[in-house]
């Protein structure tokens, strides 16, 4: 029996915060590799399954797609990494996302995860035509 009440909304919010925290950590780990990593809140309450019927729709799917494509393909953002974007603008995430001790406590960051990331980055660096070797291909970003 759970000792505390479970809240789906709280769990959703915590999962989003954890994703942002992991993004910041990953951006630091990949600094200098040619790979950029940013967090994006593409739009607010788009008409998705989760939103329809529970909330009022505030944004269109097109808004979310436009903001996602911009972050991935805009050449002015090609060197931006470790940032949080709210729609089409750089913004501040929840303050806890910037709290390094909270980030290290918050999620699965065992050495095995970082070893896997580092080995993946090493493979990317070694592959001809990879984003780490091909400046033209550097605009795609992991989000």
N, C-alpha and C. Protein backbone atom coordinates (compact mmCIF):
# COMPACT_ATOMS: atom_id res chain seq x y z
N UNK A 1 0.85 -1.17 0.00
CA UNK A 1 0.00 0.00 0.00
C UNK A 1 0.89 1.24 0.00
N UNK A 2 0.69 2.17 -0.94
CA UNK A 2 1.50 3.40 -0.95
C UNK A 2 1.30 4.21 0.32
N UNK A 3 2.39 4.79 0.79
CA UNK A 3 2.31 5.61 2.00
C UNK A 3 1.81 7.02 1.69
N UNK A 4 1.96 7.45 0.44
CA UNK A 4 1.49 8.77 0.05
C UNK A 4 0.55 8.62 -1.14
N UNK A 5 -0.30 9.62 -1.32
CA UNK A 5 -1.17 9.61 -2.49
C UNK A 5 -0.35 9.84 -3.75
N UNK A 6 -0.71 9.15 -4.79
CA UNK A 6 -0.05 9.31 -6.07
C UNK A 6 -0.83 10.30 -6.90
N UNK A 7 -0.14 11.21 -7.53
CA UNK A 7 -0.77 12.19 -8.39
C UNK A 7 -0.18 12.06 -9.79
N UNK A 8 -1.01 11.75 -10.74
CA UNK A 8 -0.56 11.64 -12.13
C UNK A 8 0.02 12.95 -12.64
N UNK A 9 -0.62 14.06 -12.28
CA UNK A 9 -0.13 15.37 -12.73
C UNK A 9 1.24 15.67 -12.12
N UNK A 10 1.40 15.38 -10.83
CA UNK A 10 2.69 15.61 -10.18
C UNK A 10 3.76 14.72 -10.81
N UNK A 11 3.42 13.49 -11.09
CA UNK A 11 4.38 12.57 -11.72
C UNK A 11 4.78 13.09 -13.10
N UNK A 12 3.82 13.60 -13.85
CA UNK A 12 4.11 14.17 -15.18
C UNK A 12 5.08 15.35 -15.04
N UNK A 13 4.79 16.26 -14.13
CA UNK A 13 5.64 17.43 -13.92
C UNK A 13 7.04 17.03 -13.48
N UNK A 14 7.12 16.06 -12.58
CA UNK A 14 8.43 15.60 -12.12
C UNK A 14 9.21 14.94 -13.25
N UNK A 15 8.52 14.21 -14.13
CA UNK A 15 9.22 13.58 -15.25
C UNK A 15 9.76 14.63 -16.21
N UNK A 16 9.02 15.70 -16.42
CA UNK A 16 9.49 16.78 -17.30
C UNK A 16 10.70 17.47 -16.67
N UNK A 17 10.66 17.72 -15.38
CA UNK A 17 11.80 18.32 -14.70
C UNK A 17 13.02 17.40 -14.80
N UNK A 18 12.81 16.12 -14.62
CA UNK A 18 13.93 15.16 -14.72
C UNK A 18 14.53 15.17 -16.12
N UNK A 19 13.70 15.28 -17.14
CA UNK A 19 14.21 15.36 -18.52
C UNK A 19 15.08 16.60 -18.72
N UNK A 20 14.63 17.73 -18.18
CA UNK A 20 15.39 18.97 -18.30
C UNK A 20 16.72 18.84 -17.56
N UNK A 21 16.68 18.27 -16.36
CA UNK A 21 17.89 18.09 -15.57
C UNK A 21 18.89 17.20 -16.31
N UNK A 22 18.39 16.12 -16.89
CA UNK A 22 19.26 15.22 -17.64
C UNK A 22 19.83 15.92 -18.88
N UNK A 23 19.03 16.77 -19.50
CA UNK A 23 19.51 17.54 -20.65
C UNK A 23 20.69 18.41 -20.26
N UNK A 24 20.58 19.09 -19.13
CA UNK A 24 21.68 19.95 -18.68
C UNK A 24 22.93 19.12 -18.40
N UNK A 25 22.76 17.98 -17.75
CA UNK A 25 23.91 17.11 -17.47
C UNK A 25 24.53 16.58 -18.77
N UNK A 26 23.68 16.17 -19.70
CA UNK A 26 24.18 15.63 -20.96
C UNK A 26 24.90 16.70 -21.76
N UNK A 27 24.38 17.92 -21.76
CA UNK A 27 25.05 19.01 -22.47
C UNK A 27 26.45 19.24 -21.89
N UNK A 28 26.57 19.17 -20.58
CA UNK A 28 27.90 19.32 -19.96
C UNK A 28 28.81 18.17 -20.36
N UNK A 29 28.28 16.96 -20.36
CA UNK A 29 29.09 15.79 -20.69
C UNK A 29 29.56 15.82 -22.14
N UNK A 30 28.76 16.41 -23.03
CA UNK A 30 29.09 16.44 -24.46
C UNK A 30 29.75 17.74 -24.90
N UNK A 31 30.02 18.63 -23.97
CA UNK A 31 30.65 19.91 -24.32
C UNK A 31 31.93 19.66 -25.12
N UNK A 32 32.06 20.39 -26.22
CA UNK A 32 33.25 20.25 -27.05
C UNK A 32 33.20 19.13 -28.06
N UNK A 33 32.13 18.35 -28.07
CA UNK A 33 32.03 17.21 -28.98
C UNK A 33 31.41 17.58 -30.33
N UNK A 34 30.84 18.77 -30.42
CA UNK A 34 30.14 19.14 -31.65
C UNK A 34 28.67 18.78 -31.61
N UNK A 35 28.24 18.11 -30.55
CA UNK A 35 26.84 17.74 -30.38
C UNK A 35 26.22 18.73 -29.40
N UNK A 36 25.06 19.27 -29.77
CA UNK A 36 24.37 20.19 -28.87
C UNK A 36 23.13 19.50 -28.32
N UNK A 37 22.79 19.85 -27.09
CA UNK A 37 21.67 19.23 -26.39
C UNK A 37 20.89 20.34 -25.69
N UNK A 38 19.61 20.44 -26.00
CA UNK A 38 18.76 21.46 -25.39
C UNK A 38 17.43 20.84 -24.99
N UNK A 39 16.77 21.48 -24.04
CA UNK A 39 15.43 21.05 -23.63
C UNK A 39 14.42 22.02 -24.25
N UNK A 40 13.30 21.48 -24.67
CA UNK A 40 12.28 22.29 -25.33
C UNK A 40 10.89 21.96 -24.80
N UNK A 41 10.18 22.99 -24.41
CA UNK A 41 8.74 22.90 -24.17
C UNK A 41 8.14 23.49 -25.44
N UNK A 42 7.71 22.63 -26.39
CA UNK A 42 7.38 23.12 -27.73
C UNK A 42 6.18 24.06 -27.80
N UNK A 43 5.18 23.82 -26.99
CA UNK A 43 3.98 24.66 -26.97
C UNK A 43 3.14 24.24 -25.77
N UNK A 44 2.18 25.07 -25.41
CA UNK A 44 1.36 24.81 -24.24
C UNK A 44 0.02 24.22 -24.64
N UNK A 45 -0.29 23.07 -24.06
CA UNK A 45 -1.59 22.42 -24.22
C UNK A 45 -2.02 22.31 -25.68
N UNK A 46 -1.18 21.61 -26.46
CA UNK A 46 -1.54 21.30 -27.85
C UNK A 46 -2.64 20.25 -27.83
N UNK A 47 -3.39 20.12 -28.91
CA UNK A 47 -4.51 19.16 -28.92
C UNK A 47 -4.04 17.71 -29.06
N UNK A 48 -3.44 17.20 -28.00
CA UNK A 48 -2.98 15.82 -27.96
C UNK A 48 -3.97 14.99 -27.14
N UNK A 49 -3.80 13.68 -27.13
CA UNK A 49 -4.70 12.80 -26.37
C UNK A 49 -4.77 13.21 -24.91
N UNK A 50 -3.61 13.57 -24.34
CA UNK A 50 -3.58 13.92 -22.93
C UNK A 50 -4.37 15.20 -22.65
N UNK A 51 -4.36 16.12 -23.59
CA UNK A 51 -4.98 17.43 -23.37
C UNK A 51 -6.47 17.43 -23.69
N UNK A 52 -6.82 16.80 -24.79
CA UNK A 52 -8.22 16.83 -25.23
C UNK A 52 -9.12 16.26 -24.14
N UNK A 53 -10.14 16.97 -23.80
CA UNK A 53 -11.09 16.51 -22.82
C UNK A 53 -10.73 16.84 -21.38
N UNK A 54 -9.47 17.20 -21.12
CA UNK A 54 -9.07 17.52 -19.75
C UNK A 54 -8.76 19.00 -19.57
N UNK A 55 -8.21 19.60 -20.60
CA UNK A 55 -7.78 21.00 -20.52
C UNK A 55 -8.30 21.72 -21.75
N UNK A 56 -8.23 23.01 -21.72
CA UNK A 56 -8.54 23.79 -22.92
C UNK A 56 -7.30 23.88 -23.79
N UNK A 57 -7.45 23.65 -25.07
CA UNK A 57 -6.33 23.72 -26.00
C UNK A 57 -5.89 25.18 -26.10
N UNK A 58 -4.58 25.41 -25.98
CA UNK A 58 -4.04 26.76 -26.06
C UNK A 58 -3.11 26.96 -27.24
N UNK A 59 -2.55 25.89 -27.77
CA UNK A 59 -1.62 25.98 -28.88
C UNK A 59 -2.00 24.94 -29.92
N UNK A 60 -1.50 25.13 -31.13
CA UNK A 60 -1.75 24.15 -32.18
C UNK A 60 -0.56 23.19 -32.28
N UNK A 61 -0.79 22.07 -32.92
CA UNK A 61 0.31 21.15 -33.19
C UNK A 61 1.34 21.84 -34.08
N UNK A 62 0.87 22.69 -34.98
CA UNK A 62 1.78 23.43 -35.86
C UNK A 62 2.72 24.32 -35.05
N UNK A 63 2.22 24.93 -33.97
CA UNK A 63 3.08 25.73 -33.09
C UNK A 63 4.20 24.87 -32.53
N UNK A 64 3.84 23.70 -32.03
CA UNK A 64 4.84 22.81 -31.46
C UNK A 64 5.85 22.33 -32.48
N UNK A 65 5.37 21.97 -33.67
CA UNK A 65 6.27 21.51 -34.73
C UNK A 65 7.19 22.65 -35.16
N UNK A 66 6.66 23.85 -35.34
CA UNK A 66 7.46 25.00 -35.76
C UNK A 66 8.59 25.26 -34.75
N UNK A 67 8.27 25.21 -33.46
CA UNK A 67 9.29 25.46 -32.44
C UNK A 67 10.33 24.35 -32.38
N UNK A 68 9.90 23.13 -32.61
CA UNK A 68 10.84 22.00 -32.62
C UNK A 68 11.79 22.10 -33.81
N UNK A 69 11.22 22.35 -34.99
CA UNK A 69 12.05 22.47 -36.19
C UNK A 69 13.03 23.63 -36.06
N UNK A 70 12.57 24.73 -35.50
CA UNK A 70 13.46 25.88 -35.31
C UNK A 70 14.66 25.50 -34.45
N UNK A 71 14.41 24.82 -33.34
CA UNK A 71 15.50 24.44 -32.46
C UNK A 71 16.48 23.48 -33.14
N UNK A 72 15.96 22.63 -33.99
CA UNK A 72 16.80 21.65 -34.67
C UNK A 72 17.55 22.26 -35.85
N UNK A 73 16.92 23.15 -36.61
CA UNK A 73 17.48 23.56 -37.89
C UNK A 73 17.94 25.00 -38.01
N UNK A 74 17.62 25.87 -37.08
CA UNK A 74 18.00 27.28 -37.19
C UNK A 74 19.51 27.42 -37.02
N UNK A 75 20.21 27.90 -38.06
CA UNK A 75 21.67 28.01 -37.96
C UNK A 75 22.14 28.93 -36.85
N UNK A 76 21.32 29.88 -36.42
CA UNK A 76 21.73 30.77 -35.33
C UNK A 76 21.77 30.03 -33.99
N UNK A 77 21.19 28.84 -33.93
CA UNK A 77 21.20 28.05 -32.70
C UNK A 77 22.15 26.85 -32.78
N UNK A 78 22.94 26.77 -33.84
CA UNK A 78 23.77 25.58 -34.07
C UNK A 78 24.81 25.34 -33.00
N UNK A 79 25.19 26.37 -32.26
CA UNK A 79 26.20 26.19 -31.21
C UNK A 79 25.60 26.35 -29.81
N UNK A 80 24.30 26.52 -29.73
CA UNK A 80 23.62 26.67 -28.44
C UNK A 80 23.42 25.29 -27.83
N UNK A 81 23.84 25.12 -26.59
CA UNK A 81 23.71 23.83 -25.92
C UNK A 81 23.49 24.05 -24.43
N UNK A 82 22.75 23.13 -23.82
CA UNK A 82 22.53 23.19 -22.39
C UNK A 82 21.52 24.25 -21.98
N UNK A 83 20.60 24.56 -22.87
CA UNK A 83 19.62 25.60 -22.60
C UNK A 83 18.21 25.01 -22.57
N UNK A 84 17.31 25.79 -22.02
CA UNK A 84 15.89 25.45 -21.99
C UNK A 84 15.15 26.46 -22.87
N UNK A 85 14.28 25.96 -23.71
CA UNK A 85 13.47 26.81 -24.58
C UNK A 85 12.00 26.59 -24.27
N UNK A 86 11.29 27.68 -24.16
CA UNK A 86 9.83 27.65 -23.99
C UNK A 86 9.26 28.20 -25.27
N UNK A 87 8.76 27.30 -26.11
CA UNK A 87 8.29 27.72 -27.43
C UNK A 87 9.47 28.18 -28.26
N UNK A 88 9.39 29.40 -28.75
CA UNK A 88 10.45 29.90 -29.63
C UNK A 88 11.46 30.80 -28.93
N UNK A 89 11.47 30.76 -27.61
CA UNK A 89 12.42 31.64 -26.91
C UNK A 89 13.18 30.88 -25.83
N UNK A 90 14.42 31.32 -25.64
CA UNK A 90 15.21 30.77 -24.54
C UNK A 90 14.59 31.27 -23.24
N UNK A 91 14.50 30.39 -22.26
CA UNK A 91 13.82 30.74 -21.01
C UNK A 91 14.53 30.07 -19.84
N UNK A 92 14.06 30.35 -18.64
CA UNK A 92 14.57 29.69 -17.45
C UNK A 92 13.64 28.53 -17.11
N UNK A 93 14.24 27.40 -16.84
CA UNK A 93 13.48 26.24 -16.39
C UNK A 93 13.19 26.42 -14.90
N UNK A 94 12.54 25.44 -14.32
CA UNK A 94 12.30 25.44 -12.88
C UNK A 94 13.65 25.58 -12.16
N UNK A 95 13.73 26.37 -11.09
CA UNK A 95 15.02 26.58 -10.40
C UNK A 95 15.73 25.29 -10.00
N UNK A 96 14.98 24.25 -9.68
CA UNK A 96 15.61 22.99 -9.26
C UNK A 96 16.43 22.38 -10.40
N UNK A 97 16.10 22.69 -11.64
CA UNK A 97 16.85 22.14 -12.77
C UNK A 97 18.30 22.61 -12.77
N UNK A 98 18.57 23.74 -12.14
CA UNK A 98 19.92 24.31 -12.10
C UNK A 98 20.66 23.93 -10.82
N UNK A 99 20.03 23.19 -9.97
CA UNK A 99 20.60 22.80 -8.68
C UNK A 99 21.37 21.48 -8.85
N UNK A 100 22.70 21.59 -8.95
CA UNK A 100 23.52 20.40 -9.22
C UNK A 100 23.30 19.28 -8.19
N UNK A 101 23.28 19.56 -6.88
CA UNK A 101 23.02 18.46 -5.94
C UNK A 101 21.66 17.80 -6.18
N UNK A 102 20.65 18.58 -6.52
CA UNK A 102 19.34 17.99 -6.81
C UNK A 102 19.41 17.14 -8.07
N UNK A 103 20.18 17.60 -9.06
CA UNK A 103 20.31 16.82 -10.29
C UNK A 103 20.98 15.49 -10.04
N UNK A 104 21.96 15.45 -9.19
CA UNK A 104 22.64 14.18 -8.94
C UNK A 104 21.80 13.23 -8.11
N UNK A 105 20.86 13.77 -7.33
CA UNK A 105 19.97 12.93 -6.52
C UNK A 105 18.74 12.48 -7.30
N UNK A 106 18.38 13.20 -8.36
CA UNK A 106 17.06 13.06 -8.94
C UNK A 106 16.83 11.85 -9.82
N UNK A 107 17.85 11.32 -10.40
CA UNK A 107 17.53 10.27 -11.36
C UNK A 107 18.64 9.26 -11.51
N UNK A 108 18.39 8.32 -12.40
CA UNK A 108 19.38 7.26 -12.62
C UNK A 108 20.58 7.81 -13.36
N UNK A 109 21.62 8.13 -12.62
CA UNK A 109 22.85 8.60 -13.25
C UNK A 109 24.03 7.72 -12.84
N UNK A 110 23.82 6.42 -12.86
CA UNK A 110 24.92 5.55 -12.46
C UNK A 110 26.04 5.61 -13.49
N UNK A 111 27.19 5.16 -13.07
CA UNK A 111 28.35 5.17 -13.96
C UNK A 111 28.06 4.45 -15.27
N UNK A 112 27.23 3.43 -15.24
CA UNK A 112 26.93 2.68 -16.46
C UNK A 112 26.23 3.55 -17.50
N UNK A 113 25.33 4.44 -17.05
CA UNK A 113 24.64 5.32 -18.00
C UNK A 113 25.65 6.24 -18.66
N UNK A 114 26.53 6.86 -17.84
CA UNK A 114 27.51 7.78 -18.41
C UNK A 114 28.52 7.03 -19.26
N UNK A 115 28.86 5.81 -18.91
CA UNK A 115 29.77 5.03 -19.74
C UNK A 115 29.15 4.77 -21.10
N UNK A 116 27.85 4.47 -21.11
CA UNK A 116 27.16 4.24 -22.39
C UNK A 116 27.13 5.52 -23.22
N UNK A 117 26.86 6.65 -22.58
CA UNK A 117 26.86 7.93 -23.30
C UNK A 117 28.25 8.20 -23.86
N UNK A 118 29.27 8.03 -23.04
CA UNK A 118 30.64 8.30 -23.51
C UNK A 118 31.05 7.38 -24.64
N UNK A 119 30.67 6.11 -24.57
CA UNK A 119 31.04 5.20 -25.66
C UNK A 119 30.27 5.55 -26.93
N UNK A 120 29.03 6.01 -26.79
CA UNK A 120 28.26 6.43 -27.96
C UNK A 120 28.89 7.66 -28.59
N UNK A 121 29.29 8.62 -27.77
CA UNK A 121 29.94 9.82 -28.29
C UNK A 121 31.24 9.46 -28.98
N UNK A 122 31.99 8.52 -28.41
CA UNK A 122 33.24 8.09 -29.03
C UNK A 122 32.97 7.49 -30.40
N UNK A 123 31.93 6.69 -30.54
CA UNK A 123 31.58 6.10 -31.82
C UNK A 123 31.18 7.19 -32.81
N UNK A 124 30.39 8.16 -32.37
CA UNK A 124 29.97 9.26 -33.24
C UNK A 124 31.21 10.01 -33.75
N UNK A 125 32.15 10.28 -32.86
CA UNK A 125 33.35 11.02 -33.26
C UNK A 125 34.16 10.25 -34.29
N UNK A 126 34.14 8.93 -34.23
CA UNK A 126 34.96 8.12 -35.11
C UNK A 126 34.31 7.84 -36.46
N UNK A 127 33.02 8.08 -36.62
CA UNK A 127 32.32 7.74 -37.84
C UNK A 127 32.47 8.83 -38.89
N UNK A 128 33.05 8.53 -40.06
CA UNK A 128 33.10 9.53 -41.13
C UNK A 128 31.67 9.93 -41.50
N UNK A 129 31.46 11.20 -41.71
CA UNK A 129 30.13 11.68 -42.07
C UNK A 129 29.23 11.90 -40.87
N UNK A 130 29.72 11.62 -39.66
CA UNK A 130 28.89 11.81 -38.48
C UNK A 130 28.78 13.29 -38.16
N UNK A 131 27.87 13.62 -37.27
CA UNK A 131 27.69 15.02 -36.91
C UNK A 131 28.94 15.61 -36.28
N UNK A 132 29.78 14.78 -35.72
CA UNK A 132 31.01 15.30 -35.12
C UNK A 132 32.08 15.56 -36.18
N UNK A 133 31.96 14.93 -37.37
CA UNK A 133 32.93 15.13 -38.44
C UNK A 133 32.43 16.06 -39.52
N UNK A 134 31.13 16.14 -39.71
CA UNK A 134 30.55 16.87 -40.83
C UNK A 134 29.91 18.16 -40.35
N UNK A 135 30.53 19.32 -40.62
CA UNK A 135 29.97 20.58 -40.12
C UNK A 135 28.57 20.86 -40.66
N UNK A 136 28.25 20.38 -41.85
CA UNK A 136 26.93 20.61 -42.41
C UNK A 136 25.88 19.86 -41.61
N UNK A 137 26.23 18.72 -41.07
CA UNK A 137 25.29 17.89 -40.34
C UNK A 137 25.20 18.27 -38.87
N UNK A 138 25.90 19.29 -38.44
CA UNK A 138 25.91 19.65 -37.02
C UNK A 138 24.64 20.35 -36.54
N UNK A 139 23.82 20.81 -37.46
CA UNK A 139 22.63 21.54 -36.99
C UNK A 139 21.62 20.65 -36.28
N UNK A 140 21.49 19.33 -36.61
CA UNK A 140 20.56 18.53 -35.82
C UNK A 140 21.04 18.43 -34.38
N UNK A 141 20.09 18.50 -33.45
CA UNK A 141 20.42 18.43 -32.05
C UNK A 141 19.56 17.39 -31.36
N UNK A 142 20.12 16.80 -30.35
CA UNK A 142 19.37 15.89 -29.51
C UNK A 142 18.55 16.74 -28.58
N UNK A 143 17.25 16.53 -28.53
CA UNK A 143 16.41 17.36 -27.66
C UNK A 143 15.71 16.51 -26.64
